[in-house]
Amino acid sequence: MNDTNEINETNPRRDASAASVSPLPSHAARPDARSAGEQTNKPAASSTKSPRRRAREFVLQGLYQWRMSGNDEAAIEAHLHDVSGFDKADRAFFVGLLRGVLAQREALQEQLQTSLDRPFGELSPVEACVLLAGAFELVNYPQTPYRVIINESIELTKGYGGTDGHKYVNGVLDKLAAKLRPVEVEAKRRARTNP
């Protein structure tokens, strides 16, 4: 994802309703968020990101806008379409993921709640948005291996969430994957124990 300060400050064609959204936090913009001696997990350099990774980052930006300001899907899509770097994202994947999460958010929250240690509403905005997107992918993209979905979610959370948020996201999505994709999860476990 592009630096979100750039998104909100330099995009002359941004939607006026999107302008009221506070920028998505990023460890690159918050160096104090890491403790001394801890490895920095900044998002990968722009040139190395796949179109799907970029799409996931833009979905996170859109879900964050929705959660923080209540912007609707059309306003979010219009705003993000004009952001630098969006043309390098997998647009079809972005649209399917963003619209799907927003359409299924209540069912996704219910599924996630069984794996959470607190009410969904008490999660940080970034972790909540990453979990919604990860849960949607686990349910609706069976062709994507569950470990890929979890790893992508972890990377998003490392880049934009709280210091240990990625560990929480990993644990929650691991539990959810075991419920939603038991055959795939068991096959992966067996492969690890019987190399």
N, C-alpha and C. Protein backbone atom coordinates (compact mmCIF):
# COMPACT_ATOMS: atom_id res chain seq x y z
N MET A 1 0.85 -1.16 0.00
CA MET A 1 0.00 0.00 0.00
C MET A 1 0.89 1.22 0.00
N ASN A 2 0.44 2.26 -0.56
CA ASN A 2 1.19 3.49 -0.55
C ASN A 2 1.14 4.08 0.84
N ASP A 3 2.06 4.99 1.11
CA ASP A 3 2.02 5.68 2.38
C ASP A 3 0.67 6.37 2.49
N THR A 4 -0.07 6.08 3.52
CA THR A 4 -1.43 6.59 3.60
C THR A 4 -1.49 8.08 3.83
N ASN A 5 -0.43 8.66 4.36
CA ASN A 5 -0.42 10.11 4.47
C ASN A 5 -0.44 10.71 3.08
N GLU A 6 0.28 10.10 2.15
CA GLU A 6 0.27 10.54 0.77
C GLU A 6 -1.13 10.39 0.19
N ILE A 7 -1.78 9.29 0.51
CA ILE A 7 -3.12 9.05 -0.01
C ILE A 7 -4.06 10.17 0.41
N ASN A 8 -4.02 10.55 1.65
CA ASN A 8 -4.96 11.53 2.16
C ASN A 8 -4.54 12.97 1.91
N GLU A 9 -3.26 13.23 1.68
CA GLU A 9 -2.81 14.60 1.56
C GLU A 9 -2.56 15.06 0.13
N THR A 10 -2.18 14.16 -0.77
CA THR A 10 -1.77 14.63 -2.09
C THR A 10 -2.69 14.20 -3.22
N ASN A 11 -3.72 13.47 -2.96
CA ASN A 11 -4.60 13.03 -4.03
C ASN A 11 -5.62 14.12 -4.30
N PRO A 12 -5.45 14.90 -5.37
CA PRO A 12 -6.34 16.02 -5.61
C PRO A 12 -7.75 15.60 -6.00
N ARG A 13 -7.94 14.36 -6.45
CA ARG A 13 -9.26 13.92 -6.90
C ARG A 13 -9.97 13.07 -5.87
N ARG A 14 -9.50 13.05 -4.63
CA ARG A 14 -10.11 12.18 -3.64
C ARG A 14 -11.55 12.60 -3.37
N ASP A 15 -12.35 11.67 -2.99
CA ASP A 15 -13.75 11.89 -2.64
C ASP A 15 -13.77 12.72 -1.35
N ALA A 16 -14.61 13.72 -1.31
CA ALA A 16 -14.66 14.59 -0.13
C ALA A 16 -15.01 13.80 1.12
N SER A 17 -15.86 12.79 1.01
CA SER A 17 -16.20 12.01 2.19
C SER A 17 -15.03 11.18 2.68
N ALA A 18 -14.14 10.79 1.78
CA ALA A 18 -12.98 10.01 2.18
C ALA A 18 -11.94 10.89 2.86
N ALA A 19 -12.01 12.20 2.62
CA ALA A 19 -11.02 13.10 3.21
C ALA A 19 -11.13 13.15 4.72
N SER A 20 -12.29 12.81 5.26
CA SER A 20 -12.45 12.88 6.70
C SER A 20 -11.89 11.67 7.42
N VAL A 21 -11.39 10.70 6.68
CA VAL A 21 -10.87 9.48 7.28
C VAL A 21 -9.46 9.71 7.76
N SER A 22 -9.20 9.27 8.99
CA SER A 22 -7.83 9.36 9.47
C SER A 22 -7.01 8.31 8.73
N PRO A 23 -5.74 8.59 8.45
CA PRO A 23 -4.93 7.65 7.68
C PRO A 23 -4.74 6.32 8.41
N LEU A 24 -4.64 5.27 7.63
CA LEU A 24 -4.38 3.94 8.16
C LEU A 24 -3.01 3.97 8.81
N PRO A 25 -2.89 3.52 10.05
CA PRO A 25 -1.58 3.55 10.71
C PRO A 25 -0.59 2.63 10.01
N SER A 26 0.66 3.00 10.06
CA SER A 26 1.71 2.19 9.48
C SER A 26 2.95 2.28 10.35
N HIS A 27 3.62 1.15 10.56
CA HIS A 27 4.84 1.18 11.37
C HIS A 27 5.91 2.04 10.71
N ALA A 28 5.85 2.18 9.40
CA ALA A 28 6.81 3.04 8.72
C ALA A 28 6.62 4.48 9.19
N ALA A 29 5.37 4.85 9.51
CA ALA A 29 5.09 6.19 9.99
C ALA A 29 5.14 6.28 11.51
N ARG A 30 5.23 5.12 12.19
CA ARG A 30 5.25 5.09 13.65
C ARG A 30 6.43 4.26 14.14
N PRO A 31 7.64 4.76 14.00
CA PRO A 31 8.80 3.96 14.38
C PRO A 31 8.82 3.60 15.86
N ASP A 32 8.14 4.37 16.68
CA ASP A 32 8.14 4.09 18.11
C ASP A 32 7.24 2.91 18.46
N ALA A 33 6.50 2.37 17.49
CA ALA A 33 5.59 1.26 17.76
C ALA A 33 6.34 -0.05 17.98
N ARG A 34 7.60 -0.12 17.64
CA ARG A 34 8.41 -1.32 17.83
C ARG A 34 9.32 -1.14 19.03
N SER A 35 9.50 -2.18 19.79
CA SER A 35 10.39 -2.08 20.94
C SER A 35 11.84 -2.18 20.48
N ALA A 36 12.73 -1.73 21.30
CA ALA A 36 14.15 -1.74 20.96
C ALA A 36 14.61 -3.17 20.70
N GLY A 37 15.36 -3.35 19.64
CA GLY A 37 15.90 -4.66 19.32
C GLY A 37 14.96 -5.55 18.53
N GLU A 38 13.70 -5.14 18.40
CA GLU A 38 12.75 -5.95 17.65
C GLU A 38 12.92 -5.67 16.16
N GLN A 39 12.79 -6.70 15.38
CA GLN A 39 12.95 -6.57 13.95
C GLN A 39 11.84 -5.71 13.37
N THR A 40 12.18 -4.81 12.46
CA THR A 40 11.19 -3.97 11.81
C THR A 40 10.54 -4.78 10.70
N ASN A 41 9.22 -4.77 10.67
CA ASN A 41 8.47 -5.52 9.67
C ASN A 41 7.68 -4.57 8.79
N LYS A 42 8.37 -3.71 8.08
CA LYS A 42 7.71 -2.77 7.19
C LYS A 42 7.13 -3.53 6.01
N PRO A 43 6.07 -2.99 5.41
CA PRO A 43 5.55 -3.63 4.21
C PRO A 43 6.64 -3.73 3.15
N ALA A 44 6.56 -4.73 2.31
CA ALA A 44 7.55 -4.95 1.27
C ALA A 44 7.62 -3.75 0.33
N ALA A 45 8.76 -3.58 -0.29
CA ALA A 45 8.93 -2.50 -1.25
C ALA A 45 7.91 -2.64 -2.37
N SER A 46 7.45 -1.52 -2.88
CA SER A 46 6.38 -1.51 -3.89
C SER A 46 6.68 -2.41 -5.08
N SER A 47 7.91 -2.45 -5.52
CA SER A 47 8.24 -3.18 -6.73
C SER A 47 8.15 -4.70 -6.55
N THR A 48 8.14 -5.18 -5.31
CA THR A 48 8.12 -6.62 -5.09
C THR A 48 6.73 -7.16 -4.74
N LYS A 49 5.75 -6.31 -4.67
CA LYS A 49 4.41 -6.74 -4.29
C LYS A 49 3.66 -7.31 -5.49
N SER A 50 2.99 -8.42 -5.24
CA SER A 50 2.15 -9.00 -6.29
C SER A 50 0.88 -8.18 -6.42
N PRO A 51 0.19 -8.29 -7.55
CA PRO A 51 -1.09 -7.58 -7.70
C PRO A 51 -2.10 -7.96 -6.63
N ARG A 52 -2.11 -9.21 -6.19
CA ARG A 52 -3.04 -9.62 -5.13
C ARG A 52 -2.66 -9.00 -3.79
N ARG A 53 -1.36 -8.94 -3.49
CA ARG A 53 -0.92 -8.30 -2.24
C ARG A 53 -1.36 -6.85 -2.23
N ARG A 54 -1.16 -6.16 -3.35
CA ARG A 54 -1.58 -4.76 -3.45
C ARG A 54 -3.09 -4.64 -3.26
N ALA A 55 -3.84 -5.56 -3.87
CA ALA A 55 -5.30 -5.53 -3.73
C ALA A 55 -5.69 -5.69 -2.27
N ARG A 56 -5.05 -6.62 -1.58
CA ARG A 56 -5.36 -6.82 -0.16
C ARG A 56 -5.06 -5.56 0.66
N GLU A 57 -3.98 -4.89 0.33
CA GLU A 57 -3.64 -3.66 1.04
C GLU A 57 -4.69 -2.58 0.79
N PHE A 58 -5.15 -2.47 -0.45
CA PHE A 58 -6.19 -1.49 -0.75
C PHE A 58 -7.52 -1.88 -0.10
N VAL A 59 -7.81 -3.17 -0.02
CA VAL A 59 -9.01 -3.61 0.69
C VAL A 59 -8.90 -3.22 2.16
N LEU A 60 -7.75 -3.42 2.76
CA LEU A 60 -7.55 -3.01 4.15
C LEU A 60 -7.80 -1.51 4.30
N GLN A 61 -7.27 -0.72 3.39
CA GLN A 61 -7.50 0.73 3.42
C GLN A 61 -9.00 1.03 3.33
N GLY A 62 -9.68 0.35 2.43
CA GLY A 62 -11.11 0.58 2.26
C GLY A 62 -11.93 0.16 3.47
N LEU A 63 -11.60 -0.99 4.04
CA LEU A 63 -12.32 -1.45 5.23
C LEU A 63 -12.05 -0.54 6.42
N TYR A 64 -10.84 -0.04 6.49
CA TYR A 64 -10.50 0.90 7.56
C TYR A 64 -11.34 2.17 7.40
N GLN A 65 -11.46 2.68 6.17
CA GLN A 65 -12.30 3.86 5.91
C GLN A 65 -13.75 3.57 6.32
N TRP A 66 -14.24 2.41 5.93
CA TRP A 66 -15.62 2.04 6.27
C TRP A 66 -15.81 1.99 7.78
N ARG A 67 -14.88 1.36 8.46
CA ARG A 67 -15.01 1.18 9.92
C ARG A 67 -14.89 2.50 10.66
N MET A 68 -13.99 3.36 10.22
CA MET A 68 -13.73 4.60 10.94
C MET A 68 -14.70 5.73 10.58
N SER A 69 -15.20 5.74 9.34
CA SER A 69 -16.03 6.88 8.93
C SER A 69 -17.41 6.47 8.42
N GLY A 70 -17.61 5.20 8.20
CA GLY A 70 -18.90 4.75 7.69
C GLY A 70 -19.10 5.01 6.21
N ASN A 71 -18.03 5.33 5.49
CA ASN A 71 -18.15 5.54 4.04
C ASN A 71 -18.74 4.31 3.39
N ASP A 72 -19.54 4.53 2.36
CA ASP A 72 -20.13 3.39 1.66
C ASP A 72 -19.16 2.84 0.61
N GLU A 73 -19.51 1.70 0.11
CA GLU A 73 -18.68 0.98 -0.84
C GLU A 73 -18.32 1.82 -2.07
N ALA A 74 -19.29 2.55 -2.63
CA ALA A 74 -19.04 3.35 -3.82
C ALA A 74 -18.03 4.46 -3.54
N ALA A 75 -18.17 5.14 -2.41
CA ALA A 75 -17.24 6.21 -2.06
C ALA A 75 -15.83 5.66 -1.83
N ILE A 76 -15.76 4.52 -1.17
CA ILE A 76 -14.46 3.91 -0.91
C ILE A 76 -13.78 3.51 -2.22
N GLU A 77 -14.52 2.84 -3.09
CA GLU A 77 -13.94 2.42 -4.37
C GLU A 77 -13.51 3.61 -5.21
N ALA A 78 -14.33 4.65 -5.26
CA ALA A 78 -13.98 5.84 -6.04
C ALA A 78 -12.71 6.48 -5.50
N HIS A 79 -12.61 6.57 -4.20
CA HIS A 79 -11.43 7.18 -3.58
C HIS A 79 -10.18 6.34 -3.87
N LEU A 80 -10.26 5.06 -3.64
CA LEU A 80 -9.07 4.20 -3.80
C LEU A 80 -8.67 4.06 -5.26
N HIS A 81 -9.63 4.12 -6.16
CA HIS A 81 -9.31 4.01 -7.60
C HIS A 81 -8.35 5.11 -8.03
N ASP A 82 -8.44 6.27 -7.39
CA ASP A 82 -7.59 7.40 -7.75
C ASP A 82 -6.25 7.43 -7.03
N VAL A 83 -6.01 6.50 -6.14
CA VAL A 83 -4.78 6.48 -5.37
C VAL A 83 -3.63 5.93 -6.22
N SER A 84 -2.50 6.55 -6.09
CA SER A 84 -1.30 6.10 -6.80
C SER A 84 -1.00 4.65 -6.46
N GLY A 85 -0.75 3.83 -7.48
CA GLY A 85 -0.42 2.43 -7.28
C GLY A 85 -1.60 1.50 -7.41
N PHE A 86 -2.82 2.04 -7.40
CA PHE A 86 -4.00 1.18 -7.51
C PHE A 86 -4.03 0.45 -8.85
N ASP A 87 -3.49 1.08 -9.87
CA ASP A 87 -3.48 0.46 -11.20
C ASP A 87 -2.64 -0.82 -11.24
N LYS A 88 -1.79 -1.03 -10.25
CA LYS A 88 -0.95 -2.23 -10.19
C LYS A 88 -1.58 -3.34 -9.36
N ALA A 89 -2.74 -3.05 -8.76
CA ALA A 89 -3.44 -4.05 -7.95
C ALA A 89 -4.34 -4.90 -8.84
N ASP A 90 -4.66 -6.09 -8.38
CA ASP A 90 -5.61 -6.97 -9.07
C ASP A 90 -7.00 -6.41 -8.79
N ARG A 91 -7.53 -5.67 -9.75
CA ARG A 91 -8.79 -4.95 -9.56
C ARG A 91 -9.97 -5.89 -9.29
N ALA A 92 -10.07 -6.96 -10.04
CA ALA A 92 -11.19 -7.89 -9.86
C ALA A 92 -11.15 -8.50 -8.45
N PHE A 93 -9.96 -8.87 -8.00
CA PHE A 93 -9.81 -9.43 -6.65
C PHE A 93 -10.17 -8.38 -5.60
N PHE A 94 -9.69 -7.14 -5.80
CA PHE A 94 -10.00 -6.04 -4.89
C PHE A 94 -11.51 -5.85 -4.75
N VAL A 95 -12.19 -5.73 -5.89
CA VAL A 95 -13.64 -5.49 -5.88
C VAL A 95 -14.38 -6.65 -5.21
N GLY A 96 -14.02 -7.89 -5.57
CA GLY A 96 -14.67 -9.05 -4.98
C GLY A 96 -14.47 -9.13 -3.48
N LEU A 97 -13.26 -8.85 -3.03
CA LEU A 97 -12.94 -8.93 -1.60
C LEU A 97 -13.61 -7.80 -0.82
N LEU A 98 -13.48 -6.57 -1.29
CA LEU A 98 -14.08 -5.44 -0.58
C LEU A 98 -15.60 -5.57 -0.51
N ARG A 99 -16.22 -5.78 -1.66
CA ARG A 99 -17.69 -5.88 -1.69
C ARG A 99 -18.17 -7.10 -0.91
N GLY A 100 -17.44 -8.19 -1.03
CA GLY A 100 -17.83 -9.41 -0.32
C GLY A 100 -17.77 -9.24 1.19
N VAL A 101 -16.70 -8.64 1.69
CA VAL A 101 -16.58 -8.43 3.13
C VAL A 101 -17.69 -7.52 3.63
N LEU A 102 -17.94 -6.43 2.91
CA LEU A 102 -18.99 -5.50 3.35
C LEU A 102 -20.37 -6.16 3.31
N ALA A 103 -20.62 -6.98 2.31
CA ALA A 103 -21.92 -7.65 2.19
C ALA A 103 -22.11 -8.73 3.25
N GLN A 104 -21.02 -9.40 3.62
CA GLN A 104 -21.11 -10.53 4.55
C GLN A 104 -20.58 -10.22 5.95
N ARG A 105 -20.37 -8.96 6.25
CA ARG A 105 -19.69 -8.59 7.50
C ARG A 105 -20.33 -9.17 8.76
N GLU A 106 -21.64 -9.18 8.82
CA GLU A 106 -22.29 -9.70 10.03
C GLU A 106 -22.04 -11.20 10.20
N ALA A 107 -22.18 -11.96 9.12
CA ALA A 107 -21.92 -13.41 9.19
C ALA A 107 -20.45 -13.67 9.50
N LEU A 108 -19.55 -12.88 8.90
CA LEU A 108 -18.12 -13.05 9.16
C LEU A 108 -17.79 -12.75 10.62
N GLN A 109 -18.40 -11.71 11.17
CA GLN A 109 -18.16 -11.37 12.58
C GLN A 109 -18.63 -12.51 13.48
N GLU A 110 -19.77 -13.09 13.16
CA GLU A 110 -20.27 -14.22 13.95
C GLU A 110 -19.32 -15.40 13.89
N GLN A 111 -18.81 -15.71 12.70
CA GLN A 111 -17.85 -16.81 12.57
C GLN A 111 -16.57 -16.53 13.33
N LEU A 112 -16.09 -15.30 13.24
CA LEU A 112 -14.86 -14.93 13.93
C LEU A 112 -15.04 -14.94 15.45
N GLN A 113 -16.22 -14.53 15.92
CA GLN A 113 -16.44 -14.39 17.35
C GLN A 113 -16.15 -15.68 18.11
N THR A 114 -16.41 -16.83 17.49
CA THR A 114 -16.16 -18.10 18.16
C THR A 114 -14.68 -18.35 18.43
N SER A 115 -13.81 -17.63 17.72
CA SER A 115 -12.37 -17.79 17.90
C SER A 115 -11.71 -16.63 18.63
N LEU A 116 -12.50 -15.66 19.05
CA LEU A 116 -11.97 -14.47 19.72
C LEU A 116 -12.03 -14.60 21.24
N ASP A 117 -11.19 -13.85 21.92
CA ASP A 117 -11.19 -13.84 23.38
C ASP A 117 -11.90 -12.61 23.95
N ARG A 118 -12.52 -11.84 23.07
CA ARG A 118 -13.26 -10.63 23.48
C ARG A 118 -14.29 -10.31 22.39
N PRO A 119 -15.21 -9.41 22.67
CA PRO A 119 -16.19 -9.05 21.64
C PRO A 119 -15.50 -8.43 20.42
N PHE A 120 -16.03 -8.72 19.25
CA PHE A 120 -15.45 -8.21 18.00
C PHE A 120 -15.29 -6.70 18.03
N GLY A 121 -16.26 -6.00 18.58
CA GLY A 121 -16.22 -4.54 18.64
C GLY A 121 -15.08 -3.97 19.45
N GLU A 122 -14.44 -4.78 20.27
CA GLU A 122 -13.32 -4.31 21.09
C GLU A 122 -11.97 -4.47 20.40
N LEU A 123 -11.95 -5.09 19.22
CA LEU A 123 -10.69 -5.25 18.49
C LEU A 123 -10.23 -3.91 17.93
N SER A 124 -8.93 -3.77 17.73
CA SER A 124 -8.44 -2.55 17.09
C SER A 124 -8.98 -2.51 15.66
N PRO A 125 -9.15 -1.34 15.08
CA PRO A 125 -9.71 -1.27 13.73
C PRO A 125 -8.91 -2.04 12.69
N VAL A 126 -7.59 -1.98 12.77
CA VAL A 126 -6.77 -2.69 11.78
C VAL A 126 -6.93 -4.19 11.92
N GLU A 127 -6.79 -4.71 13.13
CA GLU A 127 -6.92 -6.16 13.32
C GLU A 127 -8.31 -6.64 12.94
N ALA A 128 -9.35 -5.86 13.27
CA ALA A 128 -10.72 -6.24 12.92
C ALA A 128 -10.88 -6.32 11.40
N CYS A 129 -10.36 -5.34 10.69
CA CYS A 129 -10.48 -5.32 9.22
C CYS A 129 -9.69 -6.46 8.59
N VAL A 130 -8.50 -6.72 9.08
CA VAL A 130 -7.70 -7.84 8.56
C VAL A 130 -8.41 -9.16 8.81
N LEU A 131 -8.98 -9.33 9.99
CA LEU A 131 -9.69 -10.57 10.31
C LEU A 131 -10.92 -10.75 9.42
N LEU A 132 -11.66 -9.69 9.17
CA LEU A 132 -12.82 -9.79 8.28
C LEU A 132 -12.40 -10.23 6.88
N ALA A 133 -11.35 -9.61 6.35
CA ALA A 133 -10.88 -9.96 5.01
C ALA A 133 -10.35 -11.39 4.98
N GLY A 134 -9.58 -11.78 5.99
CA GLY A 134 -9.05 -13.14 6.04
C GLY A 134 -10.15 -14.17 6.15
N ALA A 135 -11.16 -13.90 6.98
CA ALA A 135 -12.28 -14.82 7.13
C ALA A 135 -13.05 -14.94 5.82
N PHE A 136 -13.25 -13.82 5.13
CA PHE A 136 -13.96 -13.86 3.86
C PHE A 136 -13.19 -14.72 2.85
N GLU A 137 -11.89 -14.55 2.79
CA GLU A 137 -11.10 -15.36 1.87
C GLU A 137 -11.16 -16.84 2.23
N LEU A 138 -11.09 -17.17 3.51
CA LEU A 138 -11.16 -18.57 3.91
C LEU A 138 -12.48 -19.21 3.47
N VAL A 139 -13.55 -18.45 3.55
CA VAL A 139 -14.88 -18.97 3.19
C VAL A 139 -15.07 -19.01 1.67
N ASN A 140 -14.66 -17.97 0.98
CA ASN A 140 -15.05 -17.78 -0.42
C ASN A 140 -13.96 -18.02 -1.47
N TYR A 141 -12.74 -18.25 -1.06
CA TYR A 141 -11.66 -18.50 -2.01
C TYR A 141 -10.98 -19.84 -1.69
N PRO A 142 -11.69 -20.94 -1.85
CA PRO A 142 -11.12 -22.25 -1.50
C PRO A 142 -9.90 -22.62 -2.35
N GLN A 143 -9.75 -21.99 -3.51
CA GLN A 143 -8.60 -22.26 -4.35
C GLN A 143 -7.30 -21.66 -3.79
N THR A 144 -7.42 -20.71 -2.85
CA THR A 144 -6.25 -20.13 -2.21
C THR A 144 -5.95 -20.92 -0.94
N PRO A 145 -4.76 -21.50 -0.82
CA PRO A 145 -4.43 -22.28 0.37
C PRO A 145 -4.62 -21.45 1.65
N TYR A 146 -5.14 -22.10 2.68
CA TYR A 146 -5.42 -21.38 3.92
C TYR A 146 -4.17 -20.73 4.49
N ARG A 147 -2.99 -21.38 4.35
CA ARG A 147 -1.76 -20.81 4.89
C ARG A 147 -1.39 -19.52 4.15
N VAL A 148 -1.67 -19.44 2.87
CA VAL A 148 -1.40 -18.21 2.11
C VAL A 148 -2.27 -17.08 2.66
N ILE A 149 -3.55 -17.36 2.88
CA ILE A 149 -4.47 -16.35 3.41
C ILE A 149 -4.01 -15.88 4.78
N ILE A 150 -3.65 -16.81 5.64
CA ILE A 150 -3.19 -16.44 6.98
C ILE A 150 -1.89 -15.64 6.91
N ASN A 151 -0.94 -16.09 6.09
CA ASN A 151 0.34 -15.37 5.98
C ASN A 151 0.15 -13.96 5.42
N GLU A 152 -0.73 -13.81 4.43
CA GLU A 152 -0.99 -12.47 3.90
C GLU A 152 -1.61 -11.59 4.98
N SER A 153 -2.51 -12.15 5.77
CA SER A 153 -3.14 -11.40 6.86
C SER A 153 -2.11 -10.99 7.91
N ILE A 154 -1.21 -11.90 8.22
CA ILE A 154 -0.14 -11.59 9.18
C ILE A 154 0.71 -10.44 8.67
N GLU A 155 1.09 -10.49 7.40
CA GLU A 155 1.94 -9.43 6.83
C GLU A 155 1.24 -8.08 6.85
N LEU A 156 -0.05 -8.06 6.53
CA LEU A 156 -0.80 -6.80 6.61
C LEU A 156 -0.80 -6.26 8.03
N THR A 157 -1.01 -7.14 8.99
CA THR A 157 -1.07 -6.71 10.38
C THR A 157 0.30 -6.27 10.88
N LYS A 158 1.36 -6.94 10.46
CA LYS A 158 2.70 -6.49 10.84
C LYS A 158 2.96 -5.09 10.33
N GLY A 159 2.50 -4.80 9.13
CA GLY A 159 2.75 -3.49 8.53
C GLY A 159 1.89 -2.37 9.07
N TYR A 160 0.67 -2.68 9.47
CA TYR A 160 -0.27 -1.62 9.80
C TYR A 160 -0.94 -1.75 11.16
N GLY A 161 -0.79 -2.89 11.82
CA GLY A 161 -1.45 -3.11 13.10
C GLY A 161 -0.55 -2.81 14.28
N GLY A 162 -1.02 -3.18 15.44
CA GLY A 162 -0.25 -3.00 16.67
C GLY A 162 0.94 -3.94 16.71
N THR A 163 1.82 -3.71 17.64
CA THR A 163 3.08 -4.45 17.74
C THR A 163 2.90 -5.96 17.70
N ASP A 164 2.01 -6.51 18.50
CA ASP A 164 1.80 -7.95 18.51
C ASP A 164 0.49 -8.37 17.87
N GLY A 165 -0.13 -7.47 17.13
CA GLY A 165 -1.40 -7.76 16.48
C GLY A 165 -1.32 -8.93 15.53
N HIS A 166 -0.18 -9.10 14.88
CA HIS A 166 -0.03 -10.20 13.92
C HIS A 166 -0.13 -11.56 14.60
N LYS A 167 0.32 -11.65 15.84
CA LYS A 167 0.23 -12.91 16.57
C LYS A 167 -1.23 -13.24 16.87
N TYR A 168 -1.99 -12.24 17.23
CA TYR A 168 -3.41 -12.43 17.51
C TYR A 168 -4.15 -12.85 16.24
N VAL A 169 -3.90 -12.14 15.15
CA VAL A 169 -4.53 -12.47 13.86
C VAL A 169 -4.18 -13.89 13.46
N ASN A 170 -2.93 -14.29 13.62
CA ASN A 170 -2.50 -15.65 13.29
C ASN A 170 -3.31 -16.67 14.08
N GLY A 171 -3.40 -16.48 15.39
CA GLY A 171 -4.11 -17.42 16.24
C GLY A 171 -5.59 -17.53 15.89
N VAL A 172 -6.23 -16.39 15.67
CA VAL A 172 -7.66 -16.39 15.36
C VAL A 172 -7.92 -17.06 14.02
N LEU A 173 -7.16 -16.70 12.99
CA LEU A 173 -7.39 -17.28 11.67
C LEU A 173 -7.01 -18.76 11.62
N ASP A 174 -6.01 -19.15 12.41
CA ASP A 174 -5.67 -20.58 12.51
C ASP A 174 -6.85 -21.38 13.05
N LYS A 175 -7.47 -20.87 14.12
CA LYS A 175 -8.64 -21.55 14.70
C LYS A 175 -9.80 -21.58 13.71
N LEU A 176 -10.02 -20.47 13.03
CA LEU A 176 -11.12 -20.40 12.08
C LEU A 176 -10.88 -21.33 10.89
N ALA A 177 -9.64 -21.39 10.41
CA ALA A 177 -9.31 -22.29 9.29
C ALA A 177 -9.57 -23.74 9.67
N ALA A 178 -9.26 -24.12 10.90
CA ALA A 178 -9.50 -25.50 11.34
C ALA A 178 -10.99 -25.83 11.31
N LYS A 179 -11.85 -24.84 11.54
CA LYS A 179 -13.29 -25.05 11.49
C LYS A 179 -13.83 -25.03 10.06
N LEU A 180 -13.32 -24.10 9.25
CA LEU A 180 -13.85 -23.92 7.91
C LEU A 180 -13.23 -24.86 6.87
N ARG A 181 -11.99 -25.26 7.09
CA ARG A 181 -11.26 -26.10 6.13
C ARG A 181 -10.57 -27.25 6.85
N PRO A 182 -11.32 -28.08 7.53
CA PRO A 182 -10.70 -29.12 8.36
C PRO A 182 -9.86 -30.12 7.56
N VAL A 183 -10.28 -30.48 6.37
CA VAL A 183 -9.53 -31.45 5.57
C VAL A 183 -8.18 -30.88 5.15
N GLU A 184 -8.19 -29.64 4.69
CA GLU A 184 -6.95 -28.98 4.26
C GLU A 184 -5.99 -28.79 5.43
N VAL A 185 -6.51 -28.35 6.57
CA VAL A 185 -5.68 -28.12 7.76
C VAL A 185 -5.07 -29.44 8.23
N GLU A 186 -5.87 -30.49 8.29
CA GLU A 186 -5.37 -31.80 8.73
C GLU A 186 -4.31 -32.33 7.77
N ALA A 187 -4.52 -32.17 6.48
CA ALA A 187 -3.53 -32.62 5.49
C ALA A 187 -2.20 -31.89 5.68
N LYS A 188 -2.28 -30.61 5.97
CA LYS A 188 -1.06 -29.82 6.20
C LYS A 188 -0.35 -30.30 7.47
N ARG A 189 -1.11 -30.59 8.52
CA ARG A 189 -0.52 -31.10 9.77
C ARG A 189 0.17 -32.43 9.53
N ARG A 190 -0.50 -33.31 8.81
CA ARG A 190 0.09 -34.62 8.52
C ARG A 190 1.38 -34.50 7.71
N ALA A 191 1.37 -33.59 6.75
CA ALA A 191 2.55 -33.39 5.91
C ALA A 191 3.73 -32.90 6.76
N ARG A 192 3.46 -32.09 7.77
CA ARG A 192 4.53 -31.59 8.65
C ARG A 192 5.07 -32.69 9.56
N THR A 193 4.21 -33.57 10.02
CA THR A 193 4.65 -34.61 10.95
C THR A 193 5.21 -35.84 10.24
N ASN A 194 4.85 -36.04 8.98
CA ASN A 194 5.33 -37.17 8.19
C ASN A 194 6.00 -36.68 6.92
N PRO A 195 7.20 -36.11 7.02
CA PRO A 195 7.85 -35.56 5.83
C PRO A 195 8.28 -36.56 4.85
